[in-house]
């Protein structure tokens, strides 16, 4: 059935030049109407939590003033907020796309793509479909931690709990030198240089969703 009214769009983007460019393009397209723009994830989450949402779908820049879109999507899941979202990324890092897909984004496109791609994506998402660039879905959960063995994940978990090498050695019945050997292999797999970086990566991956132990 044809839709009589325009799809209302909310932009969440920290760069005023990007907001102005998007607003101009939207104003020239008869299918959409820009209802507001906000620079922060907090403001977007507030708009998404209102019972009478003023928008039909949102365009989220990857980096907002207070958080990135991955954090916004994760917070939406935590709060059980339902809004149609298209991430508009200025970074071609495939891990960003994978993270957004894992977090349930409905649309994803790049700022350097032809504007027609953005509007095709908006139309698809507005009609309840998912529209993202091609990505091998079998590798969506392929993160550094997903490639660890069960023993290596267990070791990383106790590192995150603050265990020292001596505590690990005494509680597992191996020598400290063996612990150091296992830690070196773990750091190499994660492509980090030390314990702090490994723990930070572990915390980051846990916050992204259930894929850590996939």
Protein backbone atom coordinates (compact mmCIF):
# COMPACT_ATOMS: atom_id res chain seq x y z
CA UNK A 1 0.00 0.00 0.00
CA UNK A 2 1.36 3.42 -0.89
CA UNK A 3 2.51 5.70 1.91
CA UNK A 4 1.00 9.19 1.83
CA UNK A 5 3.35 10.90 4.31
CA UNK A 6 7.11 11.25 4.22
CA UNK A 7 9.45 9.11 6.30
CA UNK A 8 10.70 11.22 9.20
CA UNK A 9 14.46 11.12 9.72
CA UNK A 10 16.56 11.94 12.77
CA UNK A 11 20.29 12.54 12.23
CA UNK A 12 22.78 11.77 15.00
CA UNK A 13 26.12 13.23 13.89
CA UNK A 14 28.75 15.41 15.55
CA UNK A 15 30.07 17.08 12.37
CA UNK A 16 27.86 20.09 11.45
CA UNK A 17 29.08 19.99 7.84
CA UNK A 18 27.87 16.40 7.46
CA UNK A 19 24.55 17.32 9.11
CA UNK A 20 24.13 20.29 6.73
CA UNK A 21 24.94 18.17 3.67
CA UNK A 22 22.56 15.39 4.72
CA UNK A 23 19.85 17.89 5.56
CA UNK A 24 20.16 19.50 2.14
CA UNK A 25 19.97 16.16 0.33
CA UNK A 26 17.01 15.02 2.42
CA UNK A 27 15.15 18.28 1.72
CA UNK A 28 15.49 17.60 -2.01
CA UNK A 29 14.05 14.08 -1.76
CA UNK A 30 10.27 13.89 -1.63
CA UNK A 31 10.27 10.60 0.29
CA UNK A 32 11.86 11.95 3.47
CA UNK A 33 11.61 14.75 5.99
CA UNK A 34 14.35 15.75 8.43
CA UNK A 35 12.78 16.23 11.86
CA UNK A 36 15.87 16.90 13.98
CA UNK A 37 19.61 16.42 14.38
CA UNK A 38 21.57 15.67 17.56
CA UNK A 39 25.33 15.50 18.15
CA UNK A 40 25.39 12.93 20.95
CA UNK A 41 24.46 9.33 21.54
CA UNK A 42 22.79 10.33 24.79
CA UNK A 43 20.42 12.67 22.96
CA UNK A 44 19.64 10.01 20.38
CA UNK A 45 18.92 7.40 23.04
CA UNK A 46 16.60 9.87 24.75
CA UNK A 47 14.72 10.44 21.48
CA UNK A 48 14.53 6.68 20.84
CA UNK A 49 13.17 6.03 24.33
CA UNK A 50 10.23 8.41 24.00
CA UNK A 51 6.90 6.65 23.69
CA UNK A 52 5.82 8.87 20.79
CA UNK A 53 9.00 8.72 18.71
CA UNK A 54 9.21 11.74 16.42
CA UNK A 55 11.15 9.83 13.76
CA UNK A 56 10.69 6.74 11.58
CA UNK A 57 14.39 6.03 11.13
CA UNK A 58 17.71 7.45 12.22
CA UNK A 59 21.01 8.11 10.48
CA UNK A 60 23.89 7.64 12.94
CA UNK A 61 27.40 8.83 12.24
CA UNK A 62 29.99 6.35 13.52
CA UNK A 63 31.64 8.80 15.92
CA UNK A 64 29.30 10.96 17.98
CA UNK A 65 30.41 13.55 20.52
CA UNK A 66 30.13 11.19 23.49
CA UNK A 67 30.19 7.64 22.11
CA UNK A 68 30.39 5.66 18.90
CA UNK A 69 27.48 3.98 17.15
CA UNK A 70 28.54 0.56 18.42
CA UNK A 71 28.06 1.80 21.96
CA UNK A 72 24.74 3.38 20.99
CA UNK A 73 23.48 0.11 19.46
CA UNK A 74 24.65 -1.88 22.49
CA UNK A 75 22.84 0.53 24.81
CA UNK A 76 19.70 0.23 22.68
CA UNK A 77 19.83 -3.54 23.15
CA UNK A 78 20.37 -3.15 26.90
CA UNK A 79 17.36 -0.83 27.19
CA UNK A 80 15.25 -2.85 24.71
CA UNK A 81 14.78 0.23 22.52
CA UNK A 82 13.36 -0.30 19.06
CA UNK A 83 14.27 2.12 16.30
CA UNK A 84 15.26 1.69 12.67
CA UNK A 85 18.89 2.74 12.35
CA UNK A 86 21.28 3.32 9.45
CA UNK A 87 24.93 3.79 10.42
CA UNK A 88 26.63 6.36 8.18
CA UNK A 89 30.33 5.62 8.65
CA UNK A 90 33.35 7.63 7.56
CA UNK A 91 35.67 4.71 8.36
CA UNK A 92 36.10 1.76 5.98
CA UNK A 93 37.31 -0.59 8.75
CA UNK A 94 35.40 -3.85 8.13
CA UNK A 95 35.39 -4.56 11.87
CA UNK A 96 33.05 -1.59 12.35
CA UNK A 97 30.56 -3.07 9.90
CA UNK A 98 30.82 -6.49 11.57
CA UNK A 99 30.31 -4.96 15.01
CA UNK A 100 27.22 -3.07 13.85
CA UNK A 101 25.75 -6.20 12.24
CA UNK A 102 26.34 -8.18 15.43
CA UNK A 103 24.50 -5.45 17.31
CA UNK A 104 21.48 -5.64 15.02
CA UNK A 105 21.80 -2.55 12.82
CA UNK A 106 19.28 -2.47 9.96
CA UNK A 107 21.30 -0.37 7.51
CA UNK A 108 24.93 0.58 6.93
CA UNK A 109 26.64 2.74 4.33
CA UNK A 110 29.72 4.90 3.93
CA UNK A 111 29.99 8.68 3.74
CA UNK A 112 32.19 8.45 0.65
CA UNK A 113 29.63 6.35 -1.29
CA UNK A 114 27.38 7.85 -3.94
CA UNK A 115 24.45 9.60 -2.14
CA UNK A 116 22.07 7.34 -4.07
CA UNK A 117 23.38 4.42 -2.02
CA UNK A 118 22.42 6.16 1.21
CA UNK A 119 18.92 6.89 -0.05
CA UNK A 120 18.46 3.33 -1.35
CA UNK A 121 19.52 2.13 2.10
CA UNK A 122 17.12 4.51 3.83
CA UNK A 123 14.24 3.37 1.64
CA UNK A 124 14.98 -0.30 2.34
CA UNK A 125 15.24 0.23 6.10
CA UNK A 126 12.14 2.46 6.14
CA UNK A 127 10.22 -0.46 4.63
CA UNK A 128 11.47 -2.85 7.29
CA UNK A 129 14.29 -4.50 5.36
CA UNK A 130 17.99 -4.89 6.22
CA UNK A 131 20.45 -3.22 3.84
CA UNK A 132 24.19 -3.54 4.48
CA UNK A 133 27.28 -3.82 2.23
CA UNK A 134 28.35 -7.34 1.37
CA UNK A 135 30.15 -9.10 4.19
CA UNK A 136 30.88 -12.81 4.64
CA UNK A 137 28.26 -13.64 7.28
CA UNK A 138 30.25 -16.70 8.38
CA UNK A 139 32.88 -14.28 9.66
CA UNK A 140 30.62 -11.82 11.46
CA UNK A 141 31.70 -13.24 14.82
CA UNK A 142 35.34 -13.66 13.76
CA UNK A 143 37.02 -11.52 16.41
CA UNK A 144 40.50 -11.93 17.94
CA UNK A 145 38.96 -13.55 21.00
CA UNK A 146 36.86 -15.97 18.97
CA UNK A 147 40.08 -17.53 17.66
CA UNK A 148 41.36 -18.41 21.14
CA UNK A 149 41.19 -21.92 22.57
CA UNK A 150 39.06 -22.58 25.64
CA UNK A 151 42.22 -22.68 27.79
CA UNK A 152 43.42 -19.36 26.36
CA UNK A 153 40.04 -17.72 27.02
CA UNK A 154 40.18 -19.03 30.57
CA UNK A 155 43.66 -17.54 30.99
CA UNK A 156 42.50 -14.21 29.61
CA UNK A 157 39.52 -14.24 31.96
CA UNK A 158 41.69 -14.64 35.07
CA UNK A 159 43.99 -11.88 33.78
CA UNK A 160 40.93 -9.63 33.61
CA UNK A 161 40.14 -10.63 37.20
CA UNK A 162 43.56 -9.30 38.24
CA UNK A 163 45.43 -12.56 38.83
CA UNK A 164 49.23 -12.27 38.93
CA UNK A 165 51.56 -14.73 37.18
CA UNK A 166 52.34 -16.28 40.57
CA UNK A 167 48.65 -16.75 41.39
CA UNK A 168 48.03 -18.35 38.00
CA UNK A 169 51.01 -20.67 38.48
CA UNK A 170 50.06 -21.72 42.01
CA UNK A 171 46.40 -22.31 41.18
CA UNK A 172 47.04 -24.24 37.96
CA UNK A 173 50.08 -26.22 39.12
CA UNK A 174 52.48 -24.94 36.47
CA UNK A 175 55.64 -22.87 36.78
CA UNK A 176 55.77 -19.11 36.39
CA UNK A 177 57.98 -19.56 33.34
CA UNK A 178 55.28 -21.73 31.75
CA UNK A 179 52.70 -19.07 32.58
CA UNK A 180 54.89 -16.46 30.87
CA UNK A 181 55.21 -18.73 27.83
CA UNK A 182 51.43 -19.14 27.57
CA UNK A 183 50.92 -15.40 28.02
CA UNK A 184 53.38 -14.61 25.22
CA UNK A 185 51.45 -16.93 22.89
CA UNK A 186 48.20 -15.31 23.99
CA UNK A 187 49.52 -11.80 23.32
CA UNK A 188 50.79 -12.87 19.90
CA UNK A 189 47.36 -14.25 18.97
CA UNK A 190 45.63 -11.08 20.10
CA UNK A 191 48.29 -8.87 18.48
CA UNK A 192 48.86 -6.96 21.72
CA UNK A 193 52.06 -6.16 23.58
CA UNK A 194 51.16 -6.66 27.22
CA UNK A 195 48.67 -7.70 29.87
CA UNK A 196 46.89 -4.33 30.04
CA UNK A 197 46.23 -4.29 26.29
CA UNK A 198 44.96 -7.91 26.39
CA UNK A 199 42.57 -7.12 29.26
CA UNK A 200 41.35 -3.96 27.50
CA UNK A 201 40.61 -5.96 24.34
CA UNK A 202 38.79 -8.59 26.40
CA UNK A 203 36.64 -5.93 28.07
CA UNK A 204 35.88 -4.27 24.73
CA UNK A 205 34.81 -7.54 23.08
CA UNK A 206 32.62 -8.52 26.05
CA UNK A 207 30.82 -5.19 25.80
CA UNK A 208 30.05 -5.79 22.11
CA UNK A 209 27.87 -8.80 22.72
CA UNK A 210 27.86 -12.58 23.05
CA UNK A 211 30.45 -13.31 20.35
CA UNK A 212 33.41 -13.56 22.76
CA UNK A 213 32.73 -17.21 23.50
CA UNK A 214 31.29 -18.05 20.09
